[in-house]
Amino acid sequence: MKHNEGMQKMPHTDQQEYLPLLWGGNLRTLAGLHGDHRSCQLADSTADEIEDAREIRIEGSMMYVLPNSRRDELKKPLGRVVRKIHKNELSERVVSVGDMVTMTLKEAGIEPDVAVVDYKIERKEYKGQRFHAEEILHVQNPAGMITWELWNAVATAYASGKKTLIEVDGEEDLAALPAIYLAPENTTVIYGLPSHGMVVVDVGLDERRKVGEFLKEIEG
């Protein structure tokens, strides 16, 4: 498959909008995130299926900005730290964040359902083969930030049910946060922790709450 086949560029918005952020729940459908329809709709969901939900206002394309003073907080792993991983240790849905993590999983015979890459490893160019998936989304996201495009791409990937690759022009250093926060049930998010290995997060309500509290504090 050629690099640009199946690739979508996520829409950009400069308007104030609202996006429901999902915590927990057994959501049957997460839709309405393709094209210019930028609202997240739940179909056939009941109050019992959604443990908690809230809305935040999105102004422009920049949702979250990480101050230098808060960077050390992200060095605290949100899950267990491992060097190797086996498929039987993971949930039904697997999300990889980072080129090294994605490459390591593929070498172990684990095909992520969602992979987020920027073709860099510790900010140096990744020189291996390009990654592929059924669907490829291309977004712009500067270092130390979470843009609307990245957030929308993660939500879209979860909703599509297809193996999805999110290619980031910039950096995906904070992509684990929306990946955890938006994760449906039975999802494992795996991200890299430099010099230590990989962090494996079996996402539950507690993990979403921790991430949600952090995001609220750095909301741009």
N, C-alpha and C. Protein backbone atom coordinates (compact mmCIF):
# COMPACT_ATOMS: atom_id res chain seq x y z
N MET A 1 0.84 -1.20 0.00
CA MET A 1 0.00 0.00 0.00
C MET A 1 0.87 1.24 0.00
N LYS A 2 0.59 2.17 -0.85
CA LYS A 2 1.33 3.42 -0.88
C LYS A 2 1.05 4.21 0.37
N HIS A 3 2.00 5.08 0.70
CA HIS A 3 1.92 5.82 1.95
C HIS A 3 0.64 6.64 2.07
N ASN A 4 0.16 7.20 0.99
CA ASN A 4 -0.99 8.09 1.08
C ASN A 4 -2.32 7.39 0.86
N GLU A 5 -2.30 6.09 0.62
CA GLU A 5 -3.55 5.38 0.41
C GLU A 5 -4.24 5.20 1.76
N GLY A 6 -5.54 5.43 1.78
CA GLY A 6 -6.31 5.26 2.98
C GLY A 6 -6.07 6.33 4.02
N MET A 7 -5.33 7.36 3.66
CA MET A 7 -5.00 8.39 4.64
C MET A 7 -6.07 9.47 4.66
N GLN A 8 -6.41 9.89 5.87
CA GLN A 8 -7.33 11.00 6.04
C GLN A 8 -6.63 12.08 6.82
N LYS A 9 -6.90 13.32 6.48
CA LYS A 9 -6.40 14.43 7.27
C LYS A 9 -7.53 14.89 8.16
N MET A 10 -7.25 14.99 9.46
CA MET A 10 -8.30 15.36 10.39
C MET A 10 -8.67 16.83 10.22
N PRO A 11 -9.96 17.15 10.38
CA PRO A 11 -10.42 18.52 10.17
C PRO A 11 -9.88 19.46 11.24
N HIS A 12 -9.72 20.71 10.83
CA HIS A 12 -9.24 21.76 11.73
C HIS A 12 -10.39 22.72 11.99
N THR A 13 -10.47 23.22 13.21
CA THR A 13 -11.53 24.16 13.54
C THR A 13 -10.97 25.32 14.32
N ASP A 14 -11.47 26.51 14.05
CA ASP A 14 -11.09 27.68 14.82
C ASP A 14 -12.28 28.20 15.62
N GLN A 15 -13.33 27.40 15.74
CA GLN A 15 -14.52 27.83 16.43
C GLN A 15 -14.61 27.16 17.80
N GLN A 16 -15.40 27.74 18.69
CA GLN A 16 -15.65 27.14 19.98
C GLN A 16 -16.61 25.98 19.77
N GLU A 17 -16.26 24.84 20.36
CA GLU A 17 -17.10 23.67 20.19
C GLU A 17 -17.12 22.88 21.47
N TYR A 18 -18.01 21.89 21.52
CA TYR A 18 -18.15 21.06 22.70
C TYR A 18 -17.98 19.61 22.32
N LEU A 19 -17.23 18.88 23.12
CA LEU A 19 -16.99 17.47 22.86
C LEU A 19 -17.21 16.70 24.14
N PRO A 20 -18.15 15.77 24.19
CA PRO A 20 -18.32 14.95 25.39
C PRO A 20 -17.09 14.06 25.59
N LEU A 21 -16.55 14.04 26.79
CA LEU A 21 -15.43 13.18 27.13
C LEU A 21 -15.97 12.02 27.95
N LEU A 22 -15.68 10.80 27.53
CA LEU A 22 -16.30 9.63 28.11
C LEU A 22 -15.44 9.00 29.18
N TRP A 23 -16.02 8.73 30.31
CA TRP A 23 -15.34 8.02 31.38
C TRP A 23 -16.07 6.71 31.59
N GLY A 24 -15.39 5.59 31.39
CA GLY A 24 -15.98 4.30 31.69
C GLY A 24 -17.15 4.00 30.79
N GLY A 25 -17.96 3.04 31.21
CA GLY A 25 -19.16 2.72 30.46
C GLY A 25 -18.92 1.70 29.38
N ASN A 26 -19.94 0.96 29.05
CA ASN A 26 -19.87 -0.02 27.98
C ASN A 26 -20.53 0.58 26.75
N LEU A 27 -19.80 1.41 26.04
CA LEU A 27 -20.38 2.17 24.95
C LEU A 27 -20.47 1.33 23.69
N ARG A 28 -21.66 1.22 23.14
CA ARG A 28 -21.84 0.42 21.94
C ARG A 28 -21.37 1.17 20.70
N THR A 29 -21.60 2.48 20.67
CA THR A 29 -21.24 3.24 19.48
C THR A 29 -20.67 4.59 19.86
N LEU A 30 -19.53 4.92 19.31
CA LEU A 30 -18.94 6.25 19.44
C LEU A 30 -18.77 6.75 18.02
N ALA A 31 -19.63 7.69 17.61
CA ALA A 31 -19.67 8.05 16.19
C ALA A 31 -19.75 9.54 16.02
N GLY A 32 -19.87 9.96 14.73
CA GLY A 32 -20.04 11.37 14.43
C GLY A 32 -18.76 12.15 14.45
N LEU A 33 -17.60 11.48 14.32
CA LEU A 33 -16.33 12.19 14.42
C LEU A 33 -15.63 12.32 13.09
N HIS A 34 -16.25 11.87 12.00
CA HIS A 34 -15.62 11.96 10.69
C HIS A 34 -16.05 13.26 10.00
N GLY A 35 -15.27 13.66 9.02
CA GLY A 35 -15.62 14.82 8.22
C GLY A 35 -15.72 16.07 9.07
N ASP A 36 -16.71 16.89 8.78
CA ASP A 36 -16.87 18.14 9.49
C ASP A 36 -17.86 18.05 10.64
N HIS A 37 -18.37 16.86 10.90
CA HIS A 37 -19.30 16.71 12.01
C HIS A 37 -18.49 16.44 13.26
N ARG A 38 -18.26 17.45 14.08
CA ARG A 38 -17.32 17.34 15.18
C ARG A 38 -18.03 17.20 16.52
N SER A 39 -19.02 16.36 16.59
CA SER A 39 -19.63 16.06 17.88
C SER A 39 -19.57 14.57 18.10
N CYS A 40 -19.46 14.17 19.34
CA CYS A 40 -19.36 12.76 19.67
C CYS A 40 -20.72 12.28 20.13
N GLN A 41 -21.32 11.35 19.40
CA GLN A 41 -22.66 10.91 19.69
C GLN A 41 -22.64 9.49 20.22
N LEU A 42 -23.54 9.20 21.16
CA LEU A 42 -23.66 7.86 21.70
C LEU A 42 -24.98 7.27 21.22
N ALA A 43 -24.91 6.10 20.62
CA ALA A 43 -26.12 5.43 20.16
C ALA A 43 -26.40 4.22 21.04
N ASP A 44 -27.65 4.03 21.39
CA ASP A 44 -28.08 2.86 22.16
C ASP A 44 -27.35 2.75 23.50
N SER A 45 -27.02 3.86 24.12
CA SER A 45 -26.36 3.82 25.41
C SER A 45 -27.35 4.27 26.48
N THR A 46 -27.23 3.69 27.67
CA THR A 46 -28.09 4.05 28.77
C THR A 46 -27.26 4.70 29.86
N ALA A 47 -27.93 5.28 30.86
CA ALA A 47 -27.22 5.93 31.96
C ALA A 47 -26.34 4.94 32.70
N ASP A 48 -26.79 3.70 32.80
CA ASP A 48 -26.01 2.68 33.49
C ASP A 48 -24.74 2.33 32.74
N GLU A 49 -24.73 2.55 31.43
CA GLU A 49 -23.58 2.19 30.61
C GLU A 49 -22.52 3.28 30.62
N ILE A 50 -22.88 4.45 31.05
CA ILE A 50 -21.93 5.57 31.10
C ILE A 50 -21.74 5.95 32.55
N GLU A 51 -20.63 5.55 33.14
CA GLU A 51 -20.41 5.77 34.56
C GLU A 51 -20.26 7.25 34.87
N ASP A 52 -19.66 7.97 33.96
CA ASP A 52 -19.46 9.39 34.19
C ASP A 52 -19.18 10.06 32.87
N ALA A 53 -19.60 11.30 32.72
CA ALA A 53 -19.31 12.03 31.50
C ALA A 53 -19.29 13.51 31.82
N ARG A 54 -18.54 14.25 31.07
CA ARG A 54 -18.53 15.70 31.24
C ARG A 54 -18.22 16.33 29.90
N GLU A 55 -18.36 17.64 29.80
CA GLU A 55 -18.06 18.35 28.58
C GLU A 55 -17.03 19.42 28.87
N ILE A 56 -16.16 19.65 27.93
CA ILE A 56 -15.24 20.77 28.01
C ILE A 56 -15.38 21.61 26.75
N ARG A 57 -15.05 22.84 26.86
CA ARG A 57 -15.12 23.71 25.69
C ARG A 57 -13.77 23.70 24.98
N ILE A 58 -13.82 23.59 23.69
CA ILE A 58 -12.61 23.60 22.88
C ILE A 58 -12.55 24.94 22.17
N GLU A 59 -11.51 25.70 22.42
CA GLU A 59 -11.35 26.99 21.76
C GLU A 59 -10.17 26.89 20.82
N GLY A 60 -10.43 27.03 19.52
CA GLY A 60 -9.38 26.91 18.54
C GLY A 60 -8.92 25.47 18.43
N SER A 61 -7.68 25.29 17.98
CA SER A 61 -7.18 23.95 17.73
C SER A 61 -6.34 23.41 18.88
N MET A 62 -5.95 24.24 19.84
CA MET A 62 -5.07 23.81 20.92
C MET A 62 -5.91 23.55 22.16
N MET A 63 -5.95 22.30 22.59
CA MET A 63 -6.76 21.94 23.74
C MET A 63 -5.96 21.95 25.04
N TYR A 64 -4.77 21.34 24.99
CA TYR A 64 -3.97 21.21 26.20
C TYR A 64 -2.51 21.56 25.92
N VAL A 65 -1.89 22.27 26.86
CA VAL A 65 -0.49 22.66 26.75
C VAL A 65 0.21 22.27 28.05
N LEU A 66 1.29 21.50 27.94
CA LEU A 66 2.00 21.02 29.12
C LEU A 66 3.10 22.01 29.51
N PRO A 67 2.99 22.65 30.68
CA PRO A 67 4.07 23.55 31.13
C PRO A 67 5.32 22.74 31.48
N ASN A 68 6.49 23.33 31.32
CA ASN A 68 7.73 22.65 31.66
C ASN A 68 7.74 22.20 33.12
N SER A 69 7.06 22.96 33.97
CA SER A 69 7.04 22.64 35.39
C SER A 69 6.26 21.38 35.71
N ARG A 70 5.46 20.88 34.74
CA ARG A 70 4.65 19.69 35.00
C ARG A 70 5.19 18.44 34.30
N ARG A 71 6.30 18.59 33.57
CA ARG A 71 6.81 17.47 32.77
C ARG A 71 7.21 16.26 33.62
N ASP A 72 7.80 16.52 34.78
CA ASP A 72 8.26 15.41 35.61
C ASP A 72 7.11 14.53 36.08
N GLU A 73 5.91 15.08 36.14
CA GLU A 73 4.76 14.29 36.59
C GLU A 73 4.46 13.15 35.62
N LEU A 74 4.79 13.35 34.35
CA LEU A 74 4.52 12.32 33.36
C LEU A 74 5.53 11.18 33.40
N LYS A 75 6.60 11.35 34.19
CA LYS A 75 7.57 10.28 34.34
C LYS A 75 7.07 9.21 35.31
N LYS A 76 6.00 9.52 36.04
CA LYS A 76 5.39 8.54 36.94
C LYS A 76 4.48 7.64 36.11
N PRO A 77 4.77 6.35 36.01
CA PRO A 77 3.98 5.48 35.14
C PRO A 77 2.55 5.34 35.61
N LEU A 78 1.63 5.28 34.66
CA LEU A 78 0.22 5.12 34.96
C LEU A 78 -0.19 3.65 35.02
N GLY A 79 0.78 2.77 34.74
CA GLY A 79 0.52 1.34 34.79
C GLY A 79 1.79 0.61 35.13
N ARG A 80 1.85 -0.68 34.82
CA ARG A 80 3.04 -1.47 35.12
C ARG A 80 4.10 -1.25 34.05
N VAL A 81 5.36 -1.26 34.45
CA VAL A 81 6.49 -1.03 33.54
C VAL A 81 7.10 -2.38 33.18
N VAL A 82 7.25 -2.63 31.88
CA VAL A 82 7.78 -3.92 31.41
C VAL A 82 8.81 -3.68 30.32
N ARG A 83 9.65 -4.69 30.10
CA ARG A 83 10.60 -4.68 28.99
C ARG A 83 10.07 -5.52 27.83
N LYS A 84 9.37 -6.60 28.17
CA LYS A 84 8.78 -7.48 27.18
C LYS A 84 7.30 -7.64 27.47
N ILE A 85 6.56 -8.04 26.48
CA ILE A 85 5.12 -8.18 26.66
C ILE A 85 4.62 -9.35 25.83
N HIS A 86 3.58 -10.02 26.35
CA HIS A 86 2.99 -11.15 25.66
C HIS A 86 1.52 -10.86 25.38
N LYS A 87 1.04 -11.36 24.27
CA LYS A 87 -0.32 -11.07 23.83
C LYS A 87 -1.36 -11.47 24.85
N ASN A 88 -1.14 -12.58 25.55
CA ASN A 88 -2.14 -13.05 26.52
C ASN A 88 -2.23 -12.18 27.76
N GLU A 89 -1.34 -11.19 27.88
CA GLU A 89 -1.38 -10.26 29.00
C GLU A 89 -2.24 -9.03 28.71
N LEU A 90 -2.71 -8.92 27.48
CA LEU A 90 -3.37 -7.69 27.05
C LEU A 90 -4.88 -7.84 26.95
N SER A 91 -5.54 -6.70 26.95
CA SER A 91 -6.99 -6.68 26.81
C SER A 91 -7.41 -6.95 25.37
N GLU A 92 -8.71 -6.93 25.15
CA GLU A 92 -9.25 -7.19 23.81
C GLU A 92 -8.77 -6.17 22.79
N ARG A 93 -8.67 -4.90 23.21
CA ARG A 93 -8.23 -3.82 22.32
C ARG A 93 -6.88 -3.31 22.79
N VAL A 94 -5.94 -3.17 21.85
CA VAL A 94 -4.58 -2.75 22.19
C VAL A 94 -4.24 -1.46 21.46
N VAL A 95 -3.72 -0.50 22.21
CA VAL A 95 -3.32 0.79 21.64
C VAL A 95 -1.85 1.01 21.95
N SER A 96 -1.06 1.30 20.93
CA SER A 96 0.36 1.60 21.12
C SER A 96 0.62 3.07 20.84
N VAL A 97 1.40 3.69 21.69
CA VAL A 97 1.77 5.09 21.52
C VAL A 97 3.29 5.17 21.44
N GLY A 98 3.78 5.61 20.29
CA GLY A 98 5.21 5.73 20.10
C GLY A 98 5.74 4.72 19.10
N ASP A 99 6.78 5.12 18.37
CA ASP A 99 7.34 4.27 17.32
C ASP A 99 8.02 3.03 17.88
N MET A 100 8.79 3.19 18.95
CA MET A 100 9.49 2.05 19.53
C MET A 100 8.50 1.04 20.10
N VAL A 101 7.47 1.52 20.78
CA VAL A 101 6.46 0.62 21.33
C VAL A 101 5.73 -0.12 20.21
N THR A 102 5.34 0.62 19.18
CA THR A 102 4.63 0.00 18.06
C THR A 102 5.49 -1.04 17.38
N MET A 103 6.76 -0.73 17.16
CA MET A 103 7.67 -1.67 16.52
C MET A 103 7.87 -2.91 17.40
N THR A 104 8.03 -2.69 18.71
CA THR A 104 8.24 -3.81 19.64
C THR A 104 7.03 -4.74 19.65
N LEU A 105 5.83 -4.19 19.65
CA LEU A 105 4.63 -5.01 19.65
C LEU A 105 4.53 -5.83 18.36
N LYS A 106 4.79 -5.18 17.24
CA LYS A 106 4.71 -5.88 15.96
C LYS A 106 5.73 -7.02 15.90
N GLU A 107 6.92 -6.79 16.42
CA GLU A 107 7.94 -7.83 16.44
C GLU A 107 7.54 -9.00 17.33
N ALA A 108 6.68 -8.73 18.32
CA ALA A 108 6.19 -9.78 19.21
C ALA A 108 4.92 -10.44 18.67
N GLY A 109 4.53 -10.07 17.45
CA GLY A 109 3.34 -10.64 16.84
C GLY A 109 2.05 -10.03 17.32
N ILE A 110 2.13 -8.84 17.92
CA ILE A 110 0.95 -8.14 18.41
C ILE A 110 0.64 -6.98 17.49
N GLU A 111 -0.50 -7.01 16.84
CA GLU A 111 -0.91 -5.95 15.92
C GLU A 111 -1.83 -4.98 16.65
N PRO A 112 -1.36 -3.77 16.94
CA PRO A 112 -2.21 -2.83 17.68
C PRO A 112 -3.49 -2.49 16.92
N ASP A 113 -4.56 -2.31 17.66
CA ASP A 113 -5.81 -1.86 17.04
C ASP A 113 -5.70 -0.38 16.66
N VAL A 114 -4.98 0.36 17.48
CA VAL A 114 -4.69 1.77 17.21
C VAL A 114 -3.22 1.99 17.52
N ALA A 115 -2.50 2.63 16.61
CA ALA A 115 -1.09 2.97 16.83
C ALA A 115 -0.90 4.45 16.55
N VAL A 116 -0.19 5.13 17.44
CA VAL A 116 0.11 6.56 17.26
C VAL A 116 1.62 6.70 17.13
N VAL A 117 2.08 7.24 16.01
CA VAL A 117 3.52 7.35 15.75
C VAL A 117 3.85 8.73 15.19
N ASP A 118 5.12 9.12 15.34
CA ASP A 118 5.58 10.38 14.73
C ASP A 118 6.88 10.18 13.95
N TYR A 119 7.27 8.91 13.77
CA TYR A 119 8.50 8.56 13.06
C TYR A 119 9.73 9.20 13.70
N LYS A 120 9.71 9.20 15.03
CA LYS A 120 10.87 9.62 15.82
C LYS A 120 10.98 8.67 17.01
N ILE A 121 12.21 8.43 17.45
CA ILE A 121 12.45 7.68 18.68
C ILE A 121 13.34 8.53 19.56
N GLU A 122 12.80 8.95 20.70
CA GLU A 122 13.48 9.90 21.59
C GLU A 122 13.95 11.12 20.80
N ARG A 123 13.05 11.61 19.95
CA ARG A 123 13.24 12.83 19.15
C ARG A 123 14.29 12.71 18.06
N LYS A 124 14.73 11.49 17.79
CA LYS A 124 15.62 11.23 16.65
C LYS A 124 14.83 10.50 15.58
N GLU A 125 15.17 10.75 14.32
CA GLU A 125 14.41 10.18 13.21
C GLU A 125 14.37 8.66 13.26
N TYR A 126 13.16 8.11 13.10
CA TYR A 126 12.98 6.67 13.00
C TYR A 126 13.31 6.25 11.58
N LYS A 127 14.25 5.33 11.41
CA LYS A 127 14.73 4.97 10.08
C LYS A 127 14.25 3.60 9.61
N GLY A 128 13.32 3.02 10.33
CA GLY A 128 12.77 1.74 9.92
C GLY A 128 11.70 1.91 8.86
N GLN A 129 11.03 0.81 8.51
CA GLN A 129 9.96 0.86 7.53
C GLN A 129 8.76 1.60 8.10
N ARG A 130 8.03 2.25 7.22
CA ARG A 130 6.83 2.96 7.66
C ARG A 130 5.80 1.94 8.12
N PHE A 131 4.98 2.38 9.05
CA PHE A 131 3.93 1.51 9.58
C PHE A 131 2.71 1.57 8.66
N HIS A 132 1.89 0.53 8.73
CA HIS A 132 0.70 0.46 7.89
C HIS A 132 -0.50 0.00 8.71
N ALA A 133 -1.69 0.29 8.24
CA ALA A 133 -2.92 -0.15 8.89
C ALA A 133 -4.05 -0.04 7.87
N GLU A 134 -5.23 -0.54 8.27
CA GLU A 134 -6.39 -0.44 7.38
C GLU A 134 -6.73 1.02 7.10
N GLU A 135 -6.59 1.83 8.11
CA GLU A 135 -6.92 3.26 7.97
C GLU A 135 -5.78 4.07 8.55
N ILE A 136 -5.40 5.14 7.85
CA ILE A 136 -4.33 6.02 8.31
C ILE A 136 -4.88 7.43 8.47
N LEU A 137 -4.67 8.00 9.63
CA LEU A 137 -5.08 9.38 9.90
C LEU A 137 -3.82 10.21 10.09
N HIS A 138 -3.78 11.37 9.47
CA HIS A 138 -2.62 12.25 9.57
C HIS A 138 -3.02 13.52 10.32
N VAL A 139 -2.28 13.84 11.37
CA VAL A 139 -2.61 15.01 12.19
C VAL A 139 -1.37 15.84 12.46
N GLN A 140 -1.59 17.08 12.83
CA GLN A 140 -0.51 17.95 13.28
C GLN A 140 -0.63 18.12 14.79
N ASN A 141 0.51 17.99 15.47
CA ASN A 141 0.49 18.10 16.92
C ASN A 141 1.88 18.48 17.42
N PRO A 142 2.08 19.71 17.90
CA PRO A 142 3.40 20.12 18.38
C PRO A 142 3.78 19.38 19.67
N ALA A 143 5.06 19.38 19.99
CA ALA A 143 5.55 18.77 21.22
C ALA A 143 4.94 19.45 22.43
N GLY A 144 4.63 18.66 23.45
CA GLY A 144 4.11 19.22 24.69
C GLY A 144 2.70 19.73 24.61
N MET A 145 1.97 19.33 23.58
CA MET A 145 0.60 19.81 23.39
C MET A 145 -0.31 18.67 22.93
N ILE A 146 -1.60 18.87 23.13
CA ILE A 146 -2.61 17.99 22.56
C ILE A 146 -3.55 18.87 21.75
N THR A 147 -3.53 18.69 20.44
CA THR A 147 -4.39 19.49 19.57
C THR A 147 -5.74 18.82 19.39
N TRP A 148 -6.68 19.62 18.89
CA TRP A 148 -7.99 19.08 18.53
C TRP A 148 -7.83 17.96 17.52
N GLU A 149 -6.95 18.12 16.57
CA GLU A 149 -6.76 17.10 15.54
C GLU A 149 -6.35 15.76 16.14
N LEU A 150 -5.42 15.77 17.09
CA LEU A 150 -4.97 14.53 17.71
C LEU A 150 -6.09 13.90 18.53
N TRP A 151 -6.77 14.71 19.31
CA TRP A 151 -7.89 14.21 20.13
C TRP A 151 -8.96 13.58 19.25
N ASN A 152 -9.32 14.28 18.20
CA ASN A 152 -10.35 13.82 17.27
C ASN A 152 -9.91 12.52 16.60
N ALA A 153 -8.64 12.41 16.24
CA ALA A 153 -8.13 11.21 15.59
C ALA A 153 -8.22 10.00 16.51
N VAL A 154 -7.87 10.17 17.78
CA VAL A 154 -7.96 9.06 18.73
C VAL A 154 -9.41 8.60 18.88
N ALA A 155 -10.31 9.56 19.04
CA ALA A 155 -11.73 9.21 19.17
C ALA A 155 -12.25 8.53 17.91
N THR A 156 -11.84 9.02 16.75
CA THR A 156 -12.26 8.43 15.49
C THR A 156 -11.75 7.00 15.36
N ALA A 157 -10.51 6.78 15.76
CA ALA A 157 -9.93 5.43 15.69
C ALA A 157 -10.70 4.46 16.57
N TYR A 158 -11.07 4.89 17.76
CA TYR A 158 -11.86 4.03 18.64
C TYR A 158 -13.23 3.73 18.03
N ALA A 159 -13.80 4.72 17.37
CA ALA A 159 -15.15 4.56 16.83
C ALA A 159 -15.19 3.69 15.58
N SER A 160 -14.10 3.67 14.82
CA SER A 160 -14.14 3.05 13.50
C SER A 160 -14.17 1.53 13.55
N GLY A 161 -13.54 0.94 14.55
CA GLY A 161 -13.47 -0.51 14.60
C GLY A 161 -12.44 -1.10 13.65
N LYS A 162 -11.70 -0.24 12.92
CA LYS A 162 -10.67 -0.70 12.00
C LYS A 162 -9.30 -0.55 12.65
N LYS A 163 -8.36 -1.35 12.17
CA LYS A 163 -6.98 -1.14 12.58
C LYS A 163 -6.56 0.23 12.06
N THR A 164 -6.16 1.10 12.96
CA THR A 164 -5.93 2.50 12.59
C THR A 164 -4.54 2.95 13.00
N LEU A 165 -3.88 3.63 12.09
CA LEU A 165 -2.58 4.25 12.34
C LEU A 165 -2.76 5.76 12.34
N ILE A 166 -2.33 6.40 13.41
CA ILE A 166 -2.36 7.86 13.50
C ILE A 166 -0.94 8.36 13.34
N GLU A 167 -0.67 9.04 12.22
CA GLU A 167 0.65 9.58 11.95
C GLU A 167 0.67 11.05 12.36
N VAL A 168 1.59 11.39 13.25
CA VAL A 168 1.65 12.74 13.80
C VAL A 168 2.78 13.52 13.15
N ASP A 169 2.43 14.67 12.61
CA ASP A 169 3.41 15.63 12.12
C ASP A 169 3.72 16.55 13.29
N GLY A 170 4.87 16.32 13.93
CA GLY A 170 5.20 17.02 15.17
C GLY A 170 5.66 15.98 16.16
N GLU A 171 4.94 15.85 17.29
CA GLU A 171 5.28 14.83 18.27
C GLU A 171 4.03 14.26 18.92
N GLU A 172 4.15 12.98 19.31
CA GLU A 172 3.03 12.30 19.97
C GLU A 172 3.34 12.09 21.45
N ASP A 173 4.15 12.99 22.04
CA ASP A 173 4.63 12.77 23.40
C ASP A 173 3.51 12.74 24.44
N LEU A 174 2.37 13.35 24.16
CA LEU A 174 1.25 13.35 25.11
C LEU A 174 0.07 12.51 24.64
N ALA A 175 0.25 11.78 23.55
CA ALA A 175 -0.88 11.05 22.96
C ALA A 175 -1.44 9.96 23.86
N ALA A 176 -0.65 9.47 24.80
CA ALA A 176 -1.16 8.45 25.71
C ALA A 176 -2.31 8.98 26.56
N LEU A 177 -2.32 10.28 26.81
CA LEU A 177 -3.36 10.86 27.67
C LEU A 177 -4.75 10.76 27.03
N PRO A 178 -4.97 11.26 25.80
CA PRO A 178 -6.29 11.05 25.20
C PRO A 178 -6.57 9.58 24.92
N ALA A 179 -5.53 8.80 24.63
CA ALA A 179 -5.74 7.37 24.37
C ALA A 179 -6.32 6.69 25.61
N ILE A 180 -5.85 7.07 26.79
CA ILE A 180 -6.36 6.50 28.03
C ILE A 180 -7.72 7.09 28.36
N TYR A 181 -7.82 8.39 28.25
CA TYR A 181 -9.06 9.08 28.68
C TYR A 181 -10.27 8.65 27.85
N LEU A 182 -10.08 8.44 26.56
CA LEU A 182 -11.19 8.10 25.67
C LEU A 182 -11.38 6.60 25.50
N ALA A 183 -10.53 5.80 26.12
CA ALA A 183 -10.54 4.36 25.86
C ALA A 183 -11.85 3.70 26.27
N PRO A 184 -12.42 2.88 25.39
CA PRO A 184 -13.58 2.06 25.77
C PRO A 184 -13.12 0.96 26.72
N GLU A 185 -14.08 0.20 27.23
CA GLU A 185 -13.75 -0.91 28.11
C GLU A 185 -12.90 -1.93 27.38
N ASN A 186 -12.19 -2.73 28.16
CA ASN A 186 -11.34 -3.79 27.62
C ASN A 186 -10.26 -3.25 26.67
N THR A 187 -9.63 -2.16 27.11
CA THR A 187 -8.56 -1.54 26.31
C THR A 187 -7.28 -1.49 27.12
N THR A 188 -6.19 -1.88 26.50
CA THR A 188 -4.85 -1.71 27.07
C THR A 188 -4.11 -0.67 26.25
N VAL A 189 -3.62 0.37 26.89
CA VAL A 189 -2.81 1.40 26.25
C VAL A 189 -1.36 1.20 26.68
N ILE A 190 -0.47 1.15 25.70
CA ILE A 190 0.95 0.93 25.98
C ILE A 190 1.74 2.10 25.44
N TYR A 191 2.54 2.72 26.29
CA TYR A 191 3.38 3.84 25.85
C TYR A 191 4.79 3.67 26.39
N GLY A 192 5.73 4.41 25.84
CA GLY A 192 7.12 4.26 26.22
C GLY A 192 7.51 5.13 27.40
N LEU A 193 8.42 4.60 28.20
CA LEU A 193 9.02 5.36 29.30
C LEU A 193 10.53 5.28 29.11
N PRO A 194 11.14 6.34 28.54
CA PRO A 194 12.56 6.29 28.18
C PRO A 194 13.44 5.77 29.30
N SER A 195 14.37 4.88 28.93
CA SER A 195 15.35 4.26 29.82
C SER A 195 14.75 3.24 30.79
N HIS A 196 13.45 3.03 30.71
CA HIS A 196 12.81 2.08 31.60
C HIS A 196 12.07 0.96 30.87
N GLY A 197 11.49 1.26 29.71
CA GLY A 197 10.75 0.26 28.97
C GLY A 197 9.40 0.78 28.53
N MET A 198 8.39 -0.07 28.68
CA MET A 198 7.03 0.27 28.25
C MET A 198 6.10 0.29 29.46
N VAL A 199 5.15 1.22 29.43
CA VAL A 199 4.13 1.28 30.47
C VAL A 199 2.85 0.66 29.91
N VAL A 200 2.35 -0.34 30.61
CA VAL A 200 1.14 -1.05 30.17
C VAL A 200 -0.01 -0.62 31.07
N VAL A 201 -1.01 0.02 30.48
CA VAL A 201 -2.14 0.54 31.24
C VAL A 201 -3.41 -0.22 30.85
N ASP A 202 -3.90 -1.03 31.76
CA ASP A 202 -5.20 -1.67 31.57
C ASP A 202 -6.24 -0.66 32.03
N VAL A 203 -6.87 0.01 31.06
CA VAL A 203 -7.65 1.20 31.37
C VAL A 203 -8.95 0.87 32.09
N GLY A 204 -9.14 1.53 33.21
CA GLY A 204 -10.38 1.45 33.97
C GLY A 204 -10.78 2.85 34.41
N LEU A 205 -11.79 2.93 35.21
CA LEU A 205 -12.30 4.23 35.63
C LEU A 205 -11.25 5.03 36.40
N ASP A 206 -10.48 4.35 37.24
CA ASP A 206 -9.48 5.05 38.04
C ASP A 206 -8.42 5.71 37.15
N GLU A 207 -7.98 4.98 36.11
CA GLU A 207 -6.98 5.54 35.18
C GLU A 207 -7.55 6.74 34.44
N ARG A 208 -8.81 6.64 34.02
CA ARG A 208 -9.43 7.77 33.31
C ARG A 208 -9.55 8.99 34.21
N ARG A 209 -9.88 8.76 35.46
CA ARG A 209 -10.02 9.88 36.39
C ARG A 209 -8.68 10.57 36.63
N LYS A 210 -7.62 9.80 36.79
CA LYS A 210 -6.30 10.39 37.00
C LYS A 210 -5.90 11.25 35.80
N VAL A 211 -6.10 10.70 34.61
CA VAL A 211 -5.76 11.45 33.40
C VAL A 211 -6.66 12.66 33.26
N GLY A 212 -7.95 12.50 33.52
CA GLY A 212 -8.90 13.61 33.42
C GLY A 212 -8.55 14.77 34.34
N GLU A 213 -8.12 14.46 35.55
CA GLU A 213 -7.74 15.50 36.50
C GLU A 213 -6.51 16.25 36.02
N PHE A 214 -5.55 15.50 35.46
CA PHE A 214 -4.34 16.13 34.94
C PHE A 214 -4.66 17.02 33.74
N LEU A 215 -5.49 16.51 32.82
CA LEU A 215 -5.85 17.29 31.64
C LEU A 215 -6.56 18.58 32.01
N LYS A 216 -7.41 18.50 33.00
CA LYS A 216 -8.14 19.69 33.42
C LYS A 216 -7.19 20.78 33.90
N GLU A 217 -6.10 20.36 34.54
CA GLU A 217 -5.14 21.31 35.06
C GLU A 217 -4.27 21.97 33.99
N ILE A 218 -4.13 21.30 32.83
CA ILE A 218 -3.27 21.88 31.77
C ILE A 218 -4.10 22.34 30.57
N GLU A 219 -5.42 22.42 30.77
CA GLU A 219 -6.28 22.84 29.66
C GLU A 219 -5.88 24.21 29.17
N GLY A 220 -5.67 24.32 27.84
CA GLY A 220 -5.20 25.58 27.25
C GLY A 220 -6.32 26.56 26.98
